Protein backbone atom coordinates (compact mmCIF):
# COMPACT_ATOMS: atom_id res chain seq x y z
CA MET A 1 -77.61 157.03 -52.55
CA ARG A 2 -77.14 155.45 -54.95
CA GLU A 3 -81.08 156.69 -56.64
CA MET A 4 -79.40 160.44 -55.46
CA VAL A 5 -76.38 159.63 -57.85
CA LEU A 6 -78.80 158.36 -60.42
CA ALA A 7 -81.51 161.29 -60.68
CA ALA A 8 -78.45 163.74 -60.55
CA TRP A 9 -77.32 161.85 -63.75
CA GLN A 10 -80.36 162.17 -65.27
CA ASN A 11 -81.27 166.26 -63.98
CA GLY A 12 -77.58 166.48 -66.04
CA GLY A 13 -79.59 165.31 -69.31
CA GLY A 14 -78.11 162.01 -68.81
CA VAL A 15 -74.56 160.33 -71.17
CA ASN A 16 -71.83 162.81 -71.28
CA GLY A 17 -74.27 166.30 -70.03
CA GLY A 18 -74.71 163.52 -67.10
CA ASN A 19 -71.30 162.57 -66.61
CA ALA A 20 -70.26 165.91 -66.07
CA ALA A 21 -73.25 166.17 -62.83
CA LEU A 22 -71.55 163.99 -61.36
CA ARG A 23 -68.17 166.07 -61.24
CA ASN A 24 -69.74 169.10 -60.36
CA PRO A 25 -67.73 171.44 -57.66
CA THR A 26 -70.20 170.28 -54.68
CA PHE A 27 -70.13 166.99 -55.60
CA VAL A 28 -66.12 167.22 -55.92
CA GLN A 29 -65.93 168.78 -52.48
CA LEU A 30 -68.47 165.74 -50.96
CA ARG A 31 -65.96 163.11 -52.32
CA LEU A 32 -62.99 165.10 -50.58
CA GLN A 33 -64.97 164.61 -47.04
CA GLY A 34 -66.02 160.52 -47.48
CA LYS A 35 -69.24 161.65 -47.71
CA PHE A 36 -70.55 160.81 -51.48
CA PRO A 37 -69.01 158.05 -53.98
CA HIS A 38 -66.36 158.28 -56.48
CA TYR A 39 -66.76 159.08 -59.81
CA THR A 40 -65.71 155.41 -60.96
CA THR A 41 -69.14 154.07 -58.37
CA CYS A 42 -71.14 156.26 -59.51
CA MET A 43 -70.35 155.31 -62.93
CA ASN A 44 -71.06 151.73 -62.41
CA TRP A 45 -74.43 152.22 -61.27
CA ILE A 46 -75.57 154.15 -64.19
CA ARG A 47 -74.17 150.94 -66.23
CA ILE A 48 -76.24 148.91 -63.52
CA HIS A 49 -79.25 151.06 -64.02
CA GLN A 50 -78.68 150.74 -68.65
CA LEU A 51 -78.65 147.14 -68.76
CA GLU A 52 -80.62 146.71 -65.27
CA GLY A 53 -82.98 148.88 -65.72
CA ASN A 54 -82.63 149.31 -61.88
CA VAL A 55 -80.42 150.25 -59.64
CA ARG A 56 -80.73 147.46 -56.81
CA PRO A 57 -77.44 146.16 -55.04
CA MET A 58 -76.98 142.53 -55.84
CA ARG A 59 -77.49 140.39 -53.02
CA ALA A 60 -76.38 136.51 -52.23
CA THR A 61 -79.80 134.32 -52.62
CA GLY A 62 -78.82 131.21 -52.00
CA ASN A 63 -79.74 129.79 -54.56
CA PHE A 64 -77.11 128.53 -56.39
CA PHE A 65 -75.61 125.25 -55.22
CA SER A 66 -73.95 121.94 -57.07
CA GLU A 67 -76.39 120.08 -58.30
CA ARG A 68 -73.75 116.94 -58.23
CA GLU A 69 -74.88 114.74 -54.85
CA ILE A 70 -72.92 112.32 -52.82
CA ASN A 71 -72.80 108.53 -53.21
CA GLY A 72 -72.21 105.04 -52.76
CA ILE A 73 -68.62 105.15 -50.96
CA ASP A 74 -68.77 109.09 -49.89
CA LEU A 75 -71.82 108.85 -48.89
CA PHE A 76 -70.36 105.97 -46.08
CA ASN A 77 -66.83 107.68 -45.60
CA LEU A 78 -68.80 111.02 -44.37
CA THR A 79 -71.01 108.93 -42.28
CA LEU A 80 -68.58 107.44 -40.49
CA PHE A 81 -66.52 110.62 -39.85
CA ARG A 82 -69.76 112.28 -38.28
CA LEU A 83 -69.56 108.82 -36.07
CA ILE A 84 -65.57 109.37 -34.91
CA ARG A 85 -65.78 113.39 -35.29
CA PRO A 86 -69.30 114.58 -34.61
CA LYS A 87 -67.63 118.18 -34.19
CA ALA A 88 -65.76 118.50 -37.24
CA TYR A 89 -66.42 121.73 -38.94
CA ILE A 90 -67.65 120.81 -42.73
CA SER A 91 -64.27 121.91 -43.92
CA GLU A 92 -62.50 118.85 -42.22
CA VAL A 93 -65.31 116.79 -43.68
CA ILE A 94 -64.48 117.57 -47.26
CA ALA A 95 -61.02 117.45 -46.60
CA TYR A 96 -61.38 113.98 -45.45
CA MET A 97 -63.82 112.88 -47.80
CA HIS A 98 -61.68 114.11 -50.46
CA ASN A 99 -58.35 112.31 -48.80
CA MET A 100 -60.36 108.82 -49.02
CA ASN A 101 -61.52 108.87 -52.72
CA PRO A 102 -59.00 111.75 -54.38
CA ALA A 103 -60.26 110.65 -58.08
CA ILE A 104 -63.23 112.84 -57.19
CA ASP A 105 -63.41 116.06 -56.91
CA PRO A 106 -64.26 118.14 -53.50
CA TYR A 107 -67.84 118.48 -52.02
CA SER A 108 -68.94 121.87 -51.62
CA PRO A 109 -70.27 122.43 -48.56
CA SER A 110 -74.12 122.55 -49.39
CA GLN A 111 -73.71 119.04 -51.34
CA VAL A 112 -72.05 118.05 -47.82
CA SER A 113 -75.05 119.52 -45.95
CA ARG A 114 -77.85 117.98 -48.08
CA ALA A 115 -76.51 114.31 -47.32
CA GLU A 116 -76.03 115.18 -43.79
CA ASP A 117 -79.61 115.86 -44.33
CA ARG A 118 -80.77 112.60 -45.83
CA LEU A 119 -78.59 110.56 -43.05
CA GLY A 120 -81.02 112.29 -40.41
CA LEU A 121 -77.90 114.57 -38.98
CA TRP A 122 -79.04 117.70 -36.70
CA LEU A 123 -76.74 120.46 -35.65
CA LYS A 124 -76.78 119.94 -31.31
CA VAL A 125 -75.12 122.24 -29.09
CA GLY A 126 -71.38 119.82 -28.50
CA SER A 127 -70.71 117.67 -25.10
CA THR A 128 -67.70 116.57 -23.62
CA THR A 129 -68.06 112.99 -22.20
CA SER A 130 -65.00 111.79 -19.96
CA ASN A 131 -62.07 109.68 -21.51
CA GLN A 132 -63.00 107.27 -18.83
CA ALA A 133 -67.04 106.27 -19.72
CA HIS A 134 -65.36 105.05 -22.42
CA ARG A 135 -63.17 102.22 -20.49
CA PRO A 136 -64.47 98.89 -21.46
CA ILE A 137 -65.97 97.85 -17.67
CA ASN A 138 -67.97 101.16 -18.19
CA LYS A 139 -69.34 100.93 -20.96
CA LEU A 140 -70.63 97.05 -20.10
CA LYS A 141 -71.41 98.53 -17.04
CA ARG A 142 -74.14 101.06 -19.24
CA GLN A 143 -74.87 98.78 -21.51
CA MET A 144 -75.70 96.05 -18.67
CA TYR A 145 -77.59 99.08 -17.03
CA TRP A 146 -79.57 99.46 -20.11
CA ASN A 147 -80.37 96.06 -21.53
CA ASP A 148 -80.46 93.79 -17.58
CA PRO A 149 -83.34 93.78 -15.70
CA PHE A 150 -83.21 94.23 -11.85
CA PRO A 151 -80.28 94.63 -10.16
CA MET A 152 -77.81 94.99 -12.42
CA GLY A 153 -79.93 97.19 -14.57
CA ILE A 154 -83.32 98.90 -15.90
CA TYR A 155 -84.75 96.96 -18.40
CA GLY A 156 -88.78 95.70 -18.61
CA GLU A 157 -89.72 98.35 -15.31
CA ASN A 158 -92.39 100.75 -15.69
CA THR A 159 -91.23 104.64 -16.25
CA ASP A 160 -94.24 105.26 -13.92
CA LEU A 161 -92.51 104.18 -11.22
CA ILE A 162 -88.73 105.62 -11.86
CA ILE A 163 -86.88 107.90 -9.61
CA ASP A 164 -84.27 109.36 -10.21
CA ILE A 165 -82.13 111.00 -7.45
CA ASP A 166 -79.00 113.60 -7.56
CA GLU A 167 -77.59 116.63 -6.63
CA ALA A 168 -76.73 119.63 -7.50
CA LYS A 169 -75.38 123.36 -6.38
CA PHE A 170 -76.25 126.98 -7.70
CA THR A 171 -75.44 130.18 -6.54
CA LEU A 172 -75.99 133.94 -6.94
CA GLU A 173 -73.84 133.47 -9.54
CA SER A 174 -75.80 130.75 -12.03
CA GLN A 175 -78.36 133.56 -12.98
CA ASP A 176 -75.54 135.57 -14.83
CA ARG A 177 -75.34 135.11 -18.40
CA LYS A 178 -71.68 133.60 -19.34
CA ARG A 179 -71.85 135.50 -22.74
CA GLY A 180 -72.94 138.97 -24.28
CA LYS A 181 -72.32 141.05 -27.38
CA VAL A 182 -70.92 144.55 -27.16
CA THR A 183 -68.92 146.18 -29.81
CA ARG A 184 -64.85 145.20 -29.05
CA GLU A 185 -63.46 147.69 -27.26
CA SER A 186 -65.81 147.45 -24.65
CA ARG A 187 -66.51 145.12 -21.37
CA CYS A 188 -70.08 143.02 -21.69
CA ASP A 189 -71.00 144.43 -18.38
CA SER A 190 -74.63 145.12 -16.79
CA GLN A 191 -75.93 146.17 -13.64
CA GLY A 192 -76.45 143.41 -10.74
CA MET A 193 -75.94 142.01 -7.04
CA TYR A 194 -72.61 141.99 -5.87
CA LYS A 195 -72.10 138.40 -4.88
CA LYS A 196 -68.57 137.97 -4.67
CA GLY A 197 -67.79 135.47 -1.55
CA VAL A 198 -71.22 134.54 -1.23
CA SER A 199 -71.98 130.77 -0.84
CA GLY A 200 -74.83 128.34 -2.44
CA ILE A 201 -77.24 126.48 -1.97
CA ASN A 202 -77.19 122.35 -2.26
CA LEU A 203 -80.22 121.12 -4.06
CA ILE A 204 -80.72 117.37 -3.64
CA MET A 205 -83.96 116.21 -5.65
CA GLY A 206 -85.90 112.81 -7.03
CA ILE A 207 -87.88 112.98 -9.71
CA CYS A 208 -90.33 110.16 -11.03
CA GLY A 209 -91.32 109.55 -14.39
CA ASP A 210 -95.11 109.10 -13.74
CA ALA A 211 -96.88 110.53 -16.73
CA ASN A 212 -100.22 111.31 -15.73
CA ASP A 213 -99.66 112.28 -11.89
CA PRO A 214 -95.77 113.71 -11.91
CA PHE A 215 -93.92 114.16 -8.76
CA GLU A 216 -90.83 115.73 -6.77
CA PHE A 217 -89.06 116.02 -3.56
CA HIS A 218 -86.63 118.16 -3.06
CA GLN A 219 -84.98 119.41 -0.16
CA GLN A 220 -82.48 122.60 0.18
CA PHE A 221 -79.25 123.38 2.37
CA ASP A 222 -77.06 125.65 2.28
CA LYS A 223 -74.24 124.65 4.78
CA GLY A 224 -71.54 121.98 4.34
CA GLY A 225 -71.49 119.34 1.96
CA THR A 226 -74.05 116.12 1.04
CA GLY A 227 -72.44 113.54 3.76
CA LEU A 228 -73.69 110.42 4.70
CA TYR A 229 -75.55 111.32 7.05
CA ARG A 230 -77.62 114.23 5.45
CA PHE A 231 -77.62 111.79 2.24
CA TYR A 232 -79.60 108.84 4.54
CA CYS A 233 -82.23 111.83 6.20
CA PHE A 234 -83.05 113.31 3.00
CA MET A 235 -83.66 109.16 1.88
CA SER A 236 -85.32 108.98 5.10
CA ASP A 237 -87.58 112.23 4.34
CA PHE A 238 -88.71 110.96 0.61
CA ILE A 239 -89.55 107.30 1.88
CA ASP A 240 -92.29 108.77 4.32
CA TYR A 241 -93.34 111.42 1.34
CA LEU A 242 -93.74 108.11 -0.36
CA ASP A 243 -95.58 106.08 2.04
CA VAL A 244 -98.36 108.75 3.21
CA ASN A 245 -98.86 110.20 -0.52
CA ARG A 246 -98.15 106.95 -2.65
CA PRO A 247 -98.90 104.53 -0.65
CA GLY A 248 -98.50 100.62 -1.70
CA GLU A 249 -96.67 101.62 -4.92
CA SER A 250 -92.91 100.14 -4.65
CA TYR A 251 -90.67 102.28 -6.94
CA CYS A 252 -87.17 101.96 -8.20
CA PHE A 253 -84.60 104.25 -7.93
CA THR A 254 -81.74 105.27 -10.13
CA MET A 255 -79.08 107.24 -8.78
CA ASP A 256 -75.33 107.37 -9.73
CA ASN A 257 -72.27 105.53 -8.31
CA LEU A 258 -71.25 107.39 -5.37
CA ASN A 259 -69.69 105.74 -2.61
CA ILE A 260 -72.37 106.55 0.61
CA ASN A 261 -75.97 106.19 -2.60
CA LYS A 262 -74.25 102.71 -2.37
CA ASN A 263 -73.64 102.75 1.56
CA PRO A 264 -75.08 99.22 3.08
CA ILE A 265 -77.20 102.01 5.37
CA ILE A 266 -78.69 103.40 2.45
CA THR A 267 -79.53 100.16 0.37
CA ASP A 268 -81.05 98.57 3.55
CA LEU A 269 -83.10 101.47 3.78
CA ILE A 270 -84.13 101.92 0.26
CA GLU A 271 -85.09 97.91 0.42
CA GLY A 272 -86.96 98.06 4.00
CA ALA A 273 -89.00 100.43 2.44
CA GLY A 274 -90.25 98.00 -0.18
CA HIS A 275 -88.14 99.68 -3.32
CA ARG A 276 -85.76 98.90 -4.84
CA VAL A 277 -82.02 100.67 -6.44
CA VAL A 278 -80.27 100.60 -9.51
CA TYR A 279 -76.74 102.85 -10.20
CA ARG A 280 -76.01 104.53 -13.36
CA ALA A 281 -73.06 103.51 -14.83
CA PRO A 282 -69.49 105.72 -13.96
CA TYR A 283 -68.85 108.70 -16.05
CA TRP A 284 -72.37 108.38 -17.86
CA SER A 285 -74.27 110.87 -16.18
CA CYS A 286 -76.40 112.04 -19.85
CA ASP A 287 -78.12 108.76 -18.64
CA GLY A 288 -79.87 110.95 -15.50
CA ALA A 289 -82.55 112.55 -16.39
CA ILE A 290 -82.75 114.66 -13.00
CA GLU A 291 -79.72 115.87 -14.85
CA TYR A 292 -81.79 117.85 -17.35
CA VAL A 293 -84.04 118.41 -15.11
CA PHE A 294 -81.37 120.75 -13.02
CA ASN A 295 -80.31 121.70 -16.95
CA THR A 296 -83.80 123.51 -17.53
CA ILE A 297 -83.63 124.50 -13.79
CA HIS A 298 -79.84 127.03 -14.10
CA THR A 299 -81.52 127.69 -17.76
CA ASN A 300 -84.88 129.59 -15.75
CA LEU A 301 -82.66 131.24 -12.76
CA GLN A 302 -80.47 132.94 -16.04
CA MET A 303 -84.25 134.10 -18.10
CA SER A 304 -84.42 136.64 -14.36
CA ASN A 305 -84.16 139.97 -13.93
CA GLU A 306 -82.86 142.27 -11.66
CA ILE A 307 -87.17 142.86 -10.41
CA THR A 308 -87.25 138.62 -10.82
CA GLY A 309 -83.80 137.06 -9.92
CA ALA A 310 -82.52 135.96 -5.92
CA ARG A 311 -80.42 138.65 -4.47
CA ASN A 312 -79.10 136.64 -1.21
CA LEU A 313 -79.06 133.30 -0.74
CA ASP A 314 -83.02 133.07 0.45
CA ASP A 315 -84.54 134.56 -2.40
CA LEU A 316 -82.37 131.93 -4.69
CA ARG A 317 -83.86 129.05 -2.47
CA ASP A 318 -87.25 130.77 -3.18
CA LYS A 319 -87.27 131.25 -6.54
CA LEU A 320 -85.54 127.37 -6.38
CA ASP A 321 -88.57 126.12 -5.09
CA ASP A 322 -91.11 128.38 -7.49
CA ILE A 323 -89.48 126.74 -10.98
CA ILE A 324 -89.68 123.50 -9.31
CA PHE A 325 -93.15 124.22 -8.76
CA CYS A 326 -93.83 125.18 -12.23
CA MET A 327 -91.96 121.99 -13.28
CA VAL A 328 -94.37 119.36 -11.58
CA THR A 329 -97.43 121.61 -12.74
CA THR A 330 -96.37 119.38 -16.35
CA SER A 331 -94.49 116.29 -16.32
CA PHE A 332 -90.81 114.77 -15.89
CA ARG A 333 -91.76 111.98 -18.40
CA PRO A 334 -90.34 114.21 -21.32
CA TYR A 335 -86.57 114.16 -19.36
CA PHE A 336 -87.24 110.42 -18.86
CA VAL A 337 -87.80 109.80 -23.08
CA HIS A 338 -84.98 112.44 -23.72
CA VAL A 339 -81.99 109.59 -21.75
CA GLY A 340 -83.46 106.59 -22.83
CA PHE A 341 -86.46 105.77 -21.21
CA PRO A 342 -89.86 103.90 -22.73
């Protein structure tokens, strides 16, 4: 449009003749229909051409930022605030820093971003930890889990001999993505199977931190919950699997502190087979490598489509087996390293 206006102005002889050309009846009619720029807009473009030699629109390049850096007490205040409020918006950070040191002018977002880069801060998806996790007793248990040797913690344990166990439930709705983008007046809808009221699959799974010879053991069921008897059967089968496939190895099981997990029947079964068990601190699920494996499985389900996705519980069961099989072909070690294991 800018080039067309410039061509019309030049064809009219420029200056006065060009100005008259931009007022011809055709352009006036198009303006009334909202299909041609206002005369003032056209003259602004002509002025840009006379000054710059072109009619390209000005665009933000991101090359302009304040050169003032954040140092000293202001850098300390930024660090402190991010430790306490990691989810704060950058405007809240700027306000806090100015309130703590009113003698300085407020910093710009670019200055704060550069300072956060220097501090090694990264933008990540937010999460929330239960208030119960920060009770003194639970924080102490977590400290003991990571810093004390067996039986109170896993310090000094060989990650190759760690097995993390937990349970998750997956439904046909698990492969549905929760968000999408459409026009404001439209529903974010897509074709799929009718799945209302359909139960899901409970997956009990144990993963090993062995990087060279990775393995896992899992069972699926769709009736009832995970009670003591079902978990005992799972652990019994798992130990039998280890006896056959990993003879002579003594593993350290880690799991959450549910009552059924800590039942003497379970601990006697594990210790009687020559293995050990350490329980994670309550409410600190982020310490479990298996939790991130479940998240990967869920993400893979969401990547499915109408052809490769699950249409019923049998399909979902097969899909879970396929996803887990592909994960075993690499290694679960990165998940253990991510939560803090060496």
